[in-house]
C-alpha atoms as a PDB file:
ATOM      1  CA  MET A   1     150.029-157.689 -84.681  1.00  0.00           C
ATOM      2  CA  GLU A   2     146.423-157.297 -83.610  1.00  0.00           C
ATOM      3  CA  ALA A   3     147.546-155.841 -80.266  1.00  0.00           C
ATOM      4  CA  CYS A   4     149.795-153.303 -82.018  1.00  0.00           C
ATOM      5  CA  HIS A   5     147.020-152.384 -84.428  1.00  0.00           C
ATOM      6  CA  SER A   6     144.579-151.991 -81.533  1.00  0.00           C
ATOM      7  CA  ALA A   7     147.001-149.761 -79.609  1.00  0.00           C
ATOM      8  CA  GLU A   8     147.646-147.623 -82.679  1.00  0.00           C
ATOM      9  CA  GLN A   9     143.928-147.260 -83.334  1.00  0.00           C
ATOM     10  CA  SER A  10     143.393-146.301 -79.690  1.00  0.00           C
ATOM     11  CA  ASN A  11     146.069-143.585 -79.956  1.00  0.00           C
ATOM     12  CA  VAL A  12     144.477-142.203 -83.114  1.00  0.00           C
ATOM     13  CA  THR A  13     141.055-142.170 -81.444  1.00  0.00           C
ATOM     14  CA  SER A  14     142.348-140.402 -78.329  1.00  0.00           C
ATOM     15  CA  TYR A  15     144.220-137.867 -80.473  1.00  0.00           C
ATOM     16  CA  ALA A  16     141.063-137.164 -82.486  1.00  0.00           C
ATOM     17  CA  ALA A  17     138.994-136.761 -79.305  1.00  0.00           C
ATOM     18  CA  MET A  18     141.526-134.338 -77.820  1.00  0.00           C
ATOM     19  CA  ALA A  19     141.717-132.363 -81.079  1.00  0.00           C
ATOM     20  CA  VAL A  20     137.920-132.087 -81.280  1.00  0.00           C
ATOM     21  CA  ALA A  21     137.735-130.963 -77.640  1.00  0.00           C
ATOM     22  CA  ILE A  22     140.347-128.223 -78.128  1.00  0.00           C
ATOM     23  CA  VAL A  23     138.821-126.946 -81.365  1.00  0.00           C
ATOM     24  CA  THR A  24     135.322-126.983 -79.864  1.00  0.00           C
ATOM     25  CA  LEU A  25     136.460-125.068 -76.772  1.00  0.00           C
ATOM     26  CA  GLU A  26     138.244-122.387 -78.813  1.00  0.00           C
ATOM     27  CA  THR A  27     135.574-121.892 -81.449  1.00  0.00           C
ATOM     28  CA  PHE A  28     132.603-121.952 -79.073  1.00  0.00           C
ATOM     29  CA  ALA A  29     134.274-119.432 -76.748  1.00  0.00           C
ATOM     30  CA  GLY A  30     134.866-117.093 -79.692  1.00  0.00           C
ATOM     31  CA  MET A  31     131.331-117.666 -80.978  1.00  0.00           C
ATOM     32  CA  TRP A  32     129.894-116.766 -77.556  1.00  0.00           C
ATOM     33  CA  ILE A  33     131.907-113.528 -77.393  1.00  0.00           C
ATOM     34  CA  ASN A  34     130.844-112.435 -80.878  1.00  0.00           C
ATOM     35  CA  ALA A  35     127.234-113.526 -80.275  1.00  0.00           C
ATOM     36  CA  PHE A  36     127.291-111.255 -77.207  1.00  0.00           C
ATOM     37  CA  ILE A  37     128.375-108.302 -79.388  1.00  0.00           C
ATOM     38  CA  ILE A  38     125.642-109.062 -81.929  1.00  0.00           C
ATOM     39  CA  SER A  39     122.911-109.380 -79.277  1.00  0.00           C
ATOM     40  CA  VAL A  40     123.848-106.141 -77.484  1.00  0.00           C
ATOM     41  CA  ILE A  41     123.969-104.128 -80.713  1.00  0.00           C
ATOM     42  CA  CYS A  42     120.663-105.638 -81.866  1.00  0.00           C
ATOM     43  CA  MET A  43     119.085-104.575 -78.568  1.00  0.00           C
ATOM     44  CA  VAL A  44     120.456-101.059 -79.090  1.00  0.00           C
ATOM     45  CA  ARG A  45     118.962-101.079 -82.591  1.00  0.00           C
ATOM     46  CA  ILE A  46     115.546-102.107 -81.231  1.00  0.00           C
ATOM     47  CA  LYS A  47     115.674 -99.525 -78.436  1.00  0.00           C
ATOM     48  CA  LYS A  48     116.990 -96.536 -80.426  1.00  0.00           C
ATOM     49  CA  ASN A  49     115.738 -97.600 -83.872  1.00  0.00           C
ATOM     50  CA  THR A  50     119.112 -96.571 -85.300  1.00  0.00           C
ATOM     51  CA  LEU A  51     122.819 -97.453 -85.158  1.00  0.00           C
ATOM     52  CA  ASN A  52     125.873 -95.247 -85.404  1.00  0.00           C
ATOM     53  CA  SER A  53     128.737 -96.092 -87.767  1.00  0.00           C
ATOM     54  CA  ASN A  54     130.845 -97.790 -85.097  1.00  0.00           C
ATOM     55  CA  GLU A  55     127.960-100.061 -84.075  1.00  0.00           C
ATOM     56  CA  LYS A  56     127.263-100.960 -87.705  1.00  0.00           C
ATOM     57  CA  ILE A  57     130.859-102.090 -88.232  1.00  0.00           C
ATOM     58  CA  LEU A  58     130.865-104.035 -84.959  1.00  0.00           C
ATOM     59  CA  LEU A  59     127.591-105.742 -85.918  1.00  0.00           C
ATOM     60  CA  PHE A  60     128.939-106.842 -89.302  1.00  0.00           C
ATOM     61  CA  LEU A  61     132.286-107.822 -87.800  1.00  0.00           C
ATOM     62  CA  GLY A  62     130.723-109.824 -84.963  1.00  0.00           C
ATOM     63  CA  SER A  63     128.427-111.648 -87.407  1.00  0.00           C
ATOM     64  CA  SER A  64     131.326-112.397 -89.740  1.00  0.00           C
ATOM     65  CA  ARG A  65     133.490-113.769 -86.946  1.00  0.00           C
ATOM     66  CA  PHE A  66     130.645-115.826 -85.499  1.00  0.00           C
ATOM     67  CA  TRP A  67     130.017-117.603 -88.801  1.00  0.00           C
ATOM     68  CA  TYR A  68     133.750-117.865 -89.527  1.00  0.00           C
ATOM     69  CA  LEU A  69     134.260-119.766 -86.282  1.00  0.00           C
ATOM     70  CA  CYS A  70     131.140-121.851 -86.931  1.00  0.00           C
ATOM     71  CA  ILE A  71     132.352-122.887 -90.415  1.00  0.00           C
ATOM     72  CA  SER A  72     135.857-123.484 -89.033  1.00  0.00           C
ATOM     73  CA  TRP A  73     134.447-125.814 -86.383  1.00  0.00           C
ATOM     74  CA  VAL A  74     132.415-127.763 -88.960  1.00  0.00           C
ATOM     75  CA  PHE A  75     135.450-127.962 -91.260  1.00  0.00           C
ATOM     76  CA  SER A  76     137.627-129.217 -88.396  1.00  0.00           C
ATOM     77  CA  ILE A  77     135.068-131.876 -87.426  1.00  0.00           C
ATOM     78  CA  PHE A  78     135.055-133.166 -90.995  1.00  0.00           C
ATOM     79  CA  LEU A  79     138.852-133.169 -91.168  1.00  0.00           C
ATOM     80  CA  ILE A  80     139.325-134.958 -87.849  1.00  0.00           C
ATOM     81  CA  ILE A  81     136.351-137.340 -87.581  1.00  0.00           C
ATOM     82  CA  TYR A  82     134.835-137.660 -91.058  1.00  0.00           C
ATOM     83  CA  PRO A  83     137.671-137.029 -93.553  1.00  0.00           C
ATOM     84  CA  ASN A  84     136.126-139.358 -96.140  1.00  0.00           C
ATOM     85  CA  TYR A  85     133.047-137.143 -96.422  1.00  0.00           C
ATOM     86  CA  LEU A  86     135.270-134.361 -97.776  1.00  0.00           C
ATOM     87  CA  HIS A  87     135.903-136.611-100.783  1.00  0.00           C
ATOM     88  CA  VAL A  88     132.260-136.303-101.812  1.00  0.00           C
ATOM     89  CA  HIS A  89     131.678-133.618-104.408  1.00  0.00           C
ATOM     90  CA  PRO A  90     131.084-130.712-103.672  1.00  0.00           C
ATOM     91  CA  ILE A  91     131.376-130.763 -99.852  1.00  0.00           C
ATOM     92  CA  PHE A  92     135.058-129.799 -99.756  1.00  0.00           C
ATOM     93  CA  GLN A  93     134.616-127.005-102.322  1.00  0.00           C
ATOM     94  CA  LEU A  94     131.618-125.528-100.486  1.00  0.00           C
ATOM     95  CA  LEU A  95     133.301-125.626 -97.079  1.00  0.00           C
ATOM     96  CA  GLU A  96     136.515-124.098 -98.415  1.00  0.00           C
ATOM     97  CA  SER A  97     134.557-121.400-100.278  1.00  0.00           C
ATOM     98  CA  ALA A  98     132.447-120.501 -97.214  1.00  0.00           C
ATOM     99  CA  HIS A  99     135.538-120.558 -95.001  1.00  0.00           C
ATOM    100  CA  SER A 100     137.357-118.175 -97.377  1.00  0.00           C
ATOM    101  CA  PHE A 101     134.329-115.857 -97.618  1.00  0.00           C
ATOM    102  CA  PHE A 102     134.023-115.394 -93.864  1.00  0.00           C
ATOM    103  CA  LYS A 103     137.809-115.265 -93.381  1.00  0.00           C
ATOM    104  CA  PHE A 104     138.196-112.396 -95.860  1.00  0.00           C
ATOM    105  CA  SER A 105     135.110-110.559 -94.607  1.00  0.00           C
ATOM    106  CA  ASN A 106     136.601-110.839 -91.104  1.00  0.00           C
ATOM    107  CA  LEU A 107     139.942-109.427 -92.299  1.00  0.00           C
ATOM    108  CA  TRP A 108     138.516-106.553 -94.319  1.00  0.00           C
ATOM    109  CA  LEU A 109     135.840-105.612 -91.798  1.00  0.00           C
ATOM    110  CA  SER A 110     138.540-105.502 -89.102  1.00  0.00           C
ATOM    111  CA  ALA A 111     140.634-103.297 -91.368  1.00  0.00           C
ATOM    112  CA  SER A 112     137.558-101.112 -92.013  1.00  0.00           C
ATOM    113  CA  LEU A 113     137.115-100.677 -88.254  1.00  0.00           C
ATOM    114  CA  CYS A 114     140.749 -99.571 -87.934  1.00  0.00           C
ATOM    115  CA  VAL A 115     140.331 -97.089 -90.803  1.00  0.00           C
ATOM    116  CA  PHE A 116     137.128 -95.783 -89.184  1.00  0.00           C
ATOM    117  CA  TYR A 117     138.884 -95.226 -85.841  1.00  0.00           C
ATOM    118  CA  CYS A 118     141.744 -93.460 -87.593  1.00  0.00           C
ATOM    119  CA  ILE A 119     139.530 -91.090 -89.591  1.00  0.00           C
ATOM    120  CA  LYS A 120     137.101 -90.442 -86.730  1.00  0.00           C
ATOM    121  CA  ILE A 121     139.642 -89.783 -83.970  1.00  0.00           C
ATOM    122  CA  ALA A 122     142.882 -88.577 -85.573  1.00  0.00           C
ATOM    123  CA  ASN A 123     143.249 -84.849 -86.203  1.00  0.00           C
ATOM    124  CA  PHE A 124     145.041 -83.567 -89.313  1.00  0.00           C
ATOM    125  CA  ARG A 125     144.736 -80.336 -91.254  1.00  0.00           C
ATOM    126  CA  ASN A 126     144.906 -82.020 -94.642  1.00  0.00           C
ATOM    127  CA  SER A 127     141.857 -81.076 -96.743  1.00  0.00           C
ATOM    128  CA  PHE A 128     141.290 -84.632 -97.987  1.00  0.00           C
ATOM    129  CA  PHE A 129     141.453 -86.006 -94.444  1.00  0.00           C
ATOM    130  CA  ILE A 130     138.979 -83.361 -93.259  1.00  0.00           C
ATOM    131  CA  TYR A 131     136.662 -84.325 -96.123  1.00  0.00           C
ATOM    132  CA  LEU A 132     136.850 -88.000 -95.079  1.00  0.00           C
ATOM    133  CA  LYS A 133     136.130 -87.046 -91.455  1.00  0.00           C
ATOM    134  CA  VAL A 134     133.022 -85.110 -92.481  1.00  0.00           C
ATOM    135  CA  LYS A 135     131.772 -87.856 -94.822  1.00  0.00           C
ATOM    136  CA  ILE A 136     132.790 -90.861 -92.703  1.00  0.00           C
ATOM    137  CA  ASP A 137     129.220 -91.796 -91.773  1.00  0.00           C
ATOM    138  CA  ARG A 138     128.377 -92.057 -95.480  1.00  0.00           C
ATOM    139  CA  ILE A 139     131.605 -93.904 -96.274  1.00  0.00           C
ATOM    140  CA  VAL A 140     131.031 -96.665 -93.695  1.00  0.00           C
ATOM    141  CA  PRO A 141     128.110 -98.351 -95.579  1.00  0.00           C
ATOM    142  CA  CYS A 142     130.309 -98.391 -98.702  1.00  0.00           C
ATOM    143  CA  LEU A 143     133.137-100.012 -96.726  1.00  0.00           C
ATOM    144  CA  LEU A 144     130.770-102.654 -95.351  1.00  0.00           C
ATOM    145  CA  LEU A 145     129.222-103.384 -98.740  1.00  0.00           C
ATOM    146  CA  GLY A 146     132.624-103.460-100.425  1.00  0.00           C
ATOM    147  CA  SER A 147     134.029-105.877 -97.854  1.00  0.00           C
ATOM    148  CA  VAL A 148     131.087-108.259 -98.285  1.00  0.00           C
ATOM    149  CA  VAL A 149     131.130-108.069-102.107  1.00  0.00           C
ATOM    150  CA  PHE A 150     134.885-108.602-102.369  1.00  0.00           C
ATOM    151  CA  SER A 151     134.685-111.498 -99.910  1.00  0.00           C
ATOM    152  CA  LEU A 152     131.901-113.042-102.002  1.00  0.00           C
ATOM    153  CA  VAL A 153     134.032-112.704-105.123  1.00  0.00           C
ATOM    154  CA  ILE A 154     136.989-114.325-103.342  1.00  0.00           C
ATOM    155  CA  GLY A 155     134.766-117.156-102.095  1.00  0.00           C
ATOM    156  CA  THR A 156     133.532-117.806-105.640  1.00  0.00           C
ATOM    157  CA  ILE A 157     137.080-117.802-107.013  1.00  0.00           C
ATOM    158  CA  VAL A 158     138.234-120.197-104.287  1.00  0.00           C
ATOM    159  CA  TYR A 159     135.362-122.574-105.112  1.00  0.00           C
ATOM    160  CA  ASN A 160     136.369-122.602-108.783  1.00  0.00           C
ATOM    161  CA  ILE A 161     140.041-123.141-107.933  1.00  0.00           C
ATOM    162  CA  MET A 162     139.288-126.044-105.604  1.00  0.00           C
ATOM    163  CA  ASP A 163     136.809-127.586-108.011  1.00  0.00           C
ATOM    164  CA  LYS A 164     139.279-127.376-110.892  1.00  0.00           C
ATOM    165  CA  ALA A 165     142.125-128.774-108.767  1.00  0.00           C
ATOM    166  CA  LEU A 166     140.047-131.742-107.629  1.00  0.00           C
ATOM    167  CA  SER A 167     138.640-132.360-111.113  1.00  0.00           C
ATOM    168  CA  ASN A 168     142.090-132.374-112.685  1.00  0.00           C
ATOM    169  CA  ASN A 169     143.696-134.625-110.101  1.00  0.00           C
ATOM    170  CA  CYS A 170     140.981-136.963-108.859  1.00  0.00           C
ATOM    171  CA  ASN A 171     139.011-139.819-110.419  1.00  0.00           C
ATOM    172  CA  PHE A 172     135.343-139.673-109.481  1.00  0.00           C
ATOM    173  CA  THR A 173     133.130-142.682-109.082  1.00  0.00           C
ATOM    174  CA  SER A 174     129.551-142.779-110.291  1.00  0.00           C
ATOM    175  CA  GLN A 175     128.376-141.917-106.759  1.00  0.00           C
ATOM    176  CA  GLY A 176     130.413-138.719-106.756  1.00  0.00           C
ATOM    177  CA  GLY A 177     133.141-139.958-104.411  1.00  0.00           C
ATOM    178  CA  ILE A 178     136.879-139.745-104.992  1.00  0.00           C
ATOM    179  CA  SER A 179     138.619-143.034-105.609  1.00  0.00           C
ATOM    180  CA  LYS A 180     142.112-141.629-106.050  1.00  0.00           C
ATOM    181  CA  ALA A 181     143.505-138.367-104.760  1.00  0.00           C
ATOM    182  CA  SER A 182     146.793-137.202-106.146  1.00  0.00           C
ATOM    183  CA  ILE A 183     146.407-133.478-105.663  1.00  0.00           C
ATOM    184  CA  ARG A 184     149.610-131.568-106.236  1.00  0.00           C
ATOM    185  CA  LYS A 185     149.310-128.653-103.812  1.00  0.00           C
ATOM    186  CA  ASP A 186     152.349-126.828-105.110  1.00  0.00           C
ATOM    187  CA  GLN A 187     150.785-126.564-108.582  1.00  0.00           C
ATOM    188  CA  HIS A 188     147.016-126.368-108.313  1.00  0.00           C
ATOM    189  CA  PHE A 189     146.573-124.741-104.886  1.00  0.00           C
ATOM    190  CA  LEU A 190     149.157-122.015-105.487  1.00  0.00           C
ATOM    191  CA  PRO A 191     146.486-119.536-106.770  1.00  0.00           C
ATOM    192  CA  HIS A 192     144.536-120.214-103.565  1.00  0.00           C
ATOM    193  CA  TYR A 193     147.514-119.230-101.412  1.00  0.00           C
ATOM    194  CA  CYS A 194     148.144-116.183-103.603  1.00  0.00           C
ATOM    195  CA  ILE A 195     144.563-115.009-103.057  1.00  0.00           C
ATOM    196  CA  ILE A 196     144.876-115.517 -99.302  1.00  0.00           C
ATOM    197  CA  GLY A 197     148.171-113.619 -99.338  1.00  0.00           C
ATOM    198  CA  PHE A 198     146.528-110.746-101.219  1.00  0.00           C
ATOM    199  CA  GLY A 199     143.727-110.576 -98.651  1.00  0.00           C
ATOM    200  CA  TYR A 200     146.158-110.528 -95.734  1.00  0.00           C
ATOM    201  CA  ALA A 201     148.384-107.943 -97.441  1.00  0.00           C
ATOM    202  CA  THR A 202     145.575-105.465 -98.182  1.00  0.00           C
ATOM    203  CA  SER A 203     144.062-105.642 -94.702  1.00  0.00           C
ATOM    204  CA  PHE A 204     147.489-105.558 -93.053  1.00  0.00           C
ATOM    205  CA  THR A 205     148.476-102.450 -95.064  1.00  0.00           C
ATOM    206  CA  ALA A 206     145.282-100.645 -94.013  1.00  0.00           C
ATOM    207  CA  VAL A 207     145.894-101.543 -90.361  1.00  0.00           C
ATOM    208  CA  VAL A 208     149.538-100.409 -90.446  1.00  0.00           C
ATOM    209  CA  LEU A 209     148.687 -97.068 -92.065  1.00  0.00           C
ATOM    210  CA  SER A 210     145.831 -96.480 -89.602  1.00  0.00           C
ATOM    211  CA  ALA A 211     148.075 -97.302 -86.640  1.00  0.00           C
ATOM    212  CA  LEU A 212     150.862 -94.987 -87.842  1.00  0.00           C
ATOM    213  CA  LEU A 213     148.502 -92.078 -88.523  1.00  0.00           C
ATOM    214  CA  LEU A 214     146.731 -92.492 -85.203  1.00  0.00           C
ATOM    215  CA  LEU A 215     150.034 -92.801 -83.348  1.00  0.00           C
ATOM    216  CA  PHE A 216     151.333 -89.623 -84.993  1.00  0.00           C
ATOM    217  CA  SER A 217     148.082 -87.823 -84.109  1.00  0.00           C
ATOM    218  CA  LEU A 218     148.391 -89.019 -80.504  1.00  0.00           C
ATOM    219  CA  TRP A 219     151.979 -87.749 -80.338  1.00  0.00           C
ATOM    220  CA  ARG A 220     150.887 -84.330 -81.606  1.00  0.00           C
ATOM    221  CA  HIS A 221     148.060 -84.200 -79.032  1.00  0.00           C
ATOM    222  CA  LYS A 222     150.457 -85.045 -76.231  1.00  0.00           C
ATOM    223  CA  ARG A 223     152.922 -82.386 -77.354  1.00  0.00           C
ATOM    224  CA  ASN A 224     150.177 -79.740 -77.544  1.00  0.00           C
ATOM    225  CA  MET A 225     149.003 -80.689 -74.048  1.00  0.00           C
ATOM    226  CA  GLN A 226     152.491 -80.181 -72.651  1.00  0.00           C
ATOM    227  CA  THR A 227     152.914 -76.877 -74.497  1.00  0.00           C
ATOM    228  CA  ASN A 228     149.535 -75.410 -73.572  1.00  0.00           C
ATOM    229  CA  SER A 229     149.379 -77.005 -70.096  1.00  0.00           C
ATOM    230  CA  MET A 230     145.789 -78.106 -70.606  1.00  0.00           C
ATOM    231  CA  LYS A 231     143.909 -81.385 -70.641  1.00  0.00           C
ATOM    232  CA  ASP A 232     142.778 -82.935 -73.904  1.00  0.00           C
ATOM    233  CA  LEU A 233     139.499 -84.821 -73.762  1.00  0.00           C
ATOM    234  CA  SER A 234     140.319 -86.806 -76.922  1.00  0.00           C
ATOM    235  CA  MET A 235     143.410 -88.411 -75.373  1.00  0.00           C
ATOM    236  CA  ASP A 236     141.397 -91.270 -73.903  1.00  0.00           C
ATOM    237  CA  ALA A 237     139.699 -91.854 -77.269  1.00  0.00           C
ATOM    238  CA  HIS A 238     143.114 -92.001 -78.945  1.00  0.00           C
ATOM    239  CA  ILE A 239     144.393 -94.549 -76.434  1.00  0.00           C
ATOM    240  CA  LYS A 240     141.328 -96.803 -76.713  1.00  0.00           C
ATOM    241  CA  ALA A 241     141.477 -96.712 -80.508  1.00  0.00           C
ATOM    242  CA  MET A 242     145.211 -97.472 -80.438  1.00  0.00           C
ATOM    243  CA  LYS A 243     144.560-100.445 -78.160  1.00  0.00           C
ATOM    244  CA  SER A 244     142.097-101.918 -80.660  1.00  0.00           C
ATOM    245  CA  ILE A 245     144.257-101.188 -83.700  1.00  0.00           C
ATOM    246  CA  LEU A 246     147.519-102.405 -82.165  1.00  0.00           C
ATOM    247  CA  SER A 247     145.888-105.619 -80.944  1.00  0.00           C
ATOM    248  CA  PHE A 248     144.650-106.317 -84.461  1.00  0.00           C
ATOM    249  CA  PHE A 249     148.054-105.282 -85.864  1.00  0.00           C
ATOM    250  CA  ILE A 250     149.777-107.885 -83.690  1.00  0.00           C
ATOM    251  CA  MET A 251     147.238-110.541 -84.642  1.00  0.00           C
ATOM    252  CA  SER A 252     147.542-109.646 -88.339  1.00  0.00           C
ATOM    253  CA  SER A 253     151.312-110.054 -88.101  1.00  0.00           C
ATOM    254  CA  ILE A 254     150.951-113.473 -86.485  1.00  0.00           C
ATOM    255  CA  ASN A 255     148.291-114.401 -89.045  1.00  0.00           C
ATOM    256  CA  PHE A 256     150.650-113.506 -91.891  1.00  0.00           C
ATOM    257  CA  ILE A 257     153.386-115.653 -90.356  1.00  0.00           C
ATOM    258  CA  CYS A 258     150.852-118.482 -89.971  1.00  0.00           C
ATOM    259  CA  LEU A 259     149.989-118.153 -93.654  1.00  0.00           C
ATOM    260  CA  ILE A 260     153.631-118.613 -94.642  1.00  0.00           C
ATOM    261  CA  LEU A 261     154.016-121.560 -92.264  1.00  0.00           C
ATOM    262  CA  THR A 262     150.799-123.100 -93.622  1.00  0.00           C
ATOM    263  CA  LEU A 263     152.166-122.891 -97.150  1.00  0.00           C
ATOM    264  CA  ILE A 264     155.472-124.490 -96.073  1.00  0.00           C
ATOM    265  CA  TYR A 265     154.009-127.319 -93.985  1.00  0.00           C
ATOM    266  CA  SER A 266     151.228-128.107 -96.471  1.00  0.00           C
ATOM    267  CA  MET A 267     153.919-128.800 -99.077  1.00  0.00           C
ATOM    268  CA  LYS A 268     155.553-131.215 -96.641  1.00  0.00           C
ATOM    269  CA  ASN A 269     152.196-132.767 -95.600  1.00  0.00           C
ATOM    270  CA  GLU A 270     152.948-132.198 -91.893  1.00  0.00           C
ATOM    271  CA  ASN A 271     149.394-132.309 -90.569  1.00  0.00           C
ATOM    272  CA  ASP A 272     150.338-131.959 -86.886  1.00  0.00           C
ATOM    273  CA  MET A 273     151.998-128.580 -87.454  1.00  0.00           C
ATOM    274  CA  LEU A 274     149.115-127.435 -89.655  1.00  0.00           C
ATOM    275  CA  PHE A 275     146.651-128.329 -86.905  1.00  0.00           C
ATOM    276  CA  LEU A 276     148.704-126.336 -84.378  1.00  0.00           C
ATOM    277  CA  ILE A 277     148.718-123.312 -86.711  1.00  0.00           C
ATOM    278  CA  PHE A 278     144.948-123.532 -87.138  1.00  0.00           C
ATOM    279  CA  LEU A 279     144.505-123.655 -83.364  1.00  0.00           C
ATOM    280  CA  ILE A 280     146.506-120.431 -83.042  1.00  0.00           C
ATOM    281  CA  GLN A 281     144.409-118.736 -85.730  1.00  0.00           C
ATOM    282  CA  TYR A 282     141.116-119.778 -84.132  1.00  0.00           C
ATOM    283  CA  THR A 283     141.962-117.824 -80.964  1.00  0.00           C
ATOM    284  CA  PHE A 284     142.198-114.447 -82.721  1.00  0.00           C
ATOM    285  CA  PRO A 285     138.528-113.705 -83.594  1.00  0.00           C
ATOM    286  CA  GLY A 286     137.432-114.238 -79.993  1.00  0.00           C
ATOM    287  CA  PHE A 287     140.362-112.466 -78.346  1.00  0.00           C
ATOM    288  CA  HIS A 288     140.227-109.362 -80.552  1.00  0.00           C
ATOM    289  CA  SER A 289     136.453-109.151 -80.094  1.00  0.00           C
ATOM    290  CA  LEU A 290     137.061-109.214 -76.334  1.00  0.00           C
ATOM    291  CA  VAL A 291     139.455-106.267 -76.750  1.00  0.00           C
ATOM    292  CA  LEU A 292     136.785-104.433 -78.739  1.00  0.00           C
ATOM    293  CA  ILE A 293     134.238-105.065 -75.982  1.00  0.00           C
ATOM    294  CA  PHE A 294     136.458-103.428 -73.367  1.00  0.00           C
ATOM    295  CA  SER A 295     137.131-100.523 -75.731  1.00  0.00           C
ATOM    296  CA  ASN A 296     133.402 -99.830 -75.978  1.00  0.00           C
ATOM    297  CA  PRO A 297     131.752 -98.483 -72.761  1.00  0.00           C
ATOM    298  CA  ASN A 298     128.307 -99.890 -73.579  1.00  0.00           C
ATOM    299  CA  LEU A 299     129.585-103.385 -74.404  1.00  0.00           C
ATOM    300  CA  GLU A 300     131.931-103.357 -71.414  1.00  0.00           C
ATOM    301  CA  LYS A 301     129.130-102.385 -69.035  1.00  0.00           C
ATOM    302  CA  ARG A 302     126.847-105.142 -70.360  1.00  0.00           C
ATOM    303  CA  LEU A 303     129.565-107.798 -70.156  1.00  0.00           C
ATOM    304  CA  LEU A 304     130.631-106.896 -66.627  1.00  0.00           C
ATOM    305  CA  GLY A 305     126.968-106.867 -65.665  1.00  0.00           C
ATOM    306  CA  ILE A 306     126.467-110.527 -66.587  1.00  0.00           C
ATOM    307  CA  LEU A 307     129.720-111.819 -65.066  1.00  0.00           C
ATOM    308  CA  PRO A 308     128.856-113.555 -61.774  1.00  0.00           C
ATOM    309  CA  CYS A 309     132.330-113.354 -60.282  1.00  0.00           C
ATOM    310  CA  GLY A 310     133.693-110.046 -59.028  1.00  0.00           C
ATOM    311  CA  LYS A 311     137.273-111.270 -59.306  1.00  0.00           C
ATOM    312  CA  CYS A 312     136.659-112.103 -62.981  1.00  0.00           C
ATOM    313  CA  LYS A 313     135.618-108.513 -63.591  1.00  0.00           C
ATOM    314  CA  VAL A 314     138.750-107.103 -61.979  1.00  0.00           C
ATOM    315  CA  PHE A 315     140.990-109.576 -63.839  1.00  0.00           C
ATOM    316  CA  LEU A 316     139.479-108.804 -67.244  1.00  0.00           C
ATOM    317  CA  LYS A 317     139.675-105.046 -66.729  1.00  0.00           C
ATOM    318  CA  ARG A 318     143.340-105.303 -65.732  1.00  0.00           C
ATOM    319  CA  GLU A 319     144.268-107.571 -68.642  1.00  0.00           C
ATOM    320  CA  LEU A 320     142.379-105.651 -71.326  1.00  0.00           C
END
């Protein structure tokens, strides 16, 4: 019996070590990529004493993704190594609230970037669209502020939902720990999943509309080029913007599927599948930021300048 218990404990320990290693590798790689974006844009701000609208969005987005991955790593460490500490009030509520805040700011800032690309690059004769194109530099600060405020509201709501769910279903000791946990996820955490679904749906809708409008504008540009037999300088801008938007569109689609799978597997308490889904989600902030780097000439030049390996440069340019 002792030998079996020892072997089982050894398997659990090795599984936890492997899980921590994978999560750490994914999150730290994404954090490095987004920290690179933040540092380059901050240097531009110091040198030029100003930032354009695109750089402002990238700065906010990079910061949001950096802290999202940081909170995700801390949350994962607690879940894997120190799960009992999550039973201490209000550690779980604070982590879940912070995680939701940075997750939604990441989603809505990414959607704001797609909307910015669409308005800035696409060409339509509609008077409202022309008005947005003229005023886009004034609209961007409102988009950034709105994304942060709405994310803060969502984070506060998530904290209250989690706190109420734990208070209604758990018996607290005098030290603030949980002695019994009988949380019914299908009942008390359903508003949490509804809020997450709303966040994904709004950002996904903005991305889809931006992609369709930009694709239609690109098609019109290509047709005019063939008719007039002349080169269009904005074609390259269209293609780079489409690359960024389509990459985020694909990741948003996978994220939405992951949300549905998370809801299904959390009801069944299948932690292995949930962990696999989280690993997939943790790759997106770093990968999409890498796409954004190679869609921006300044960021691309700085990144290729610090890469020591020439083959790495060629490989990254071909892949992205």
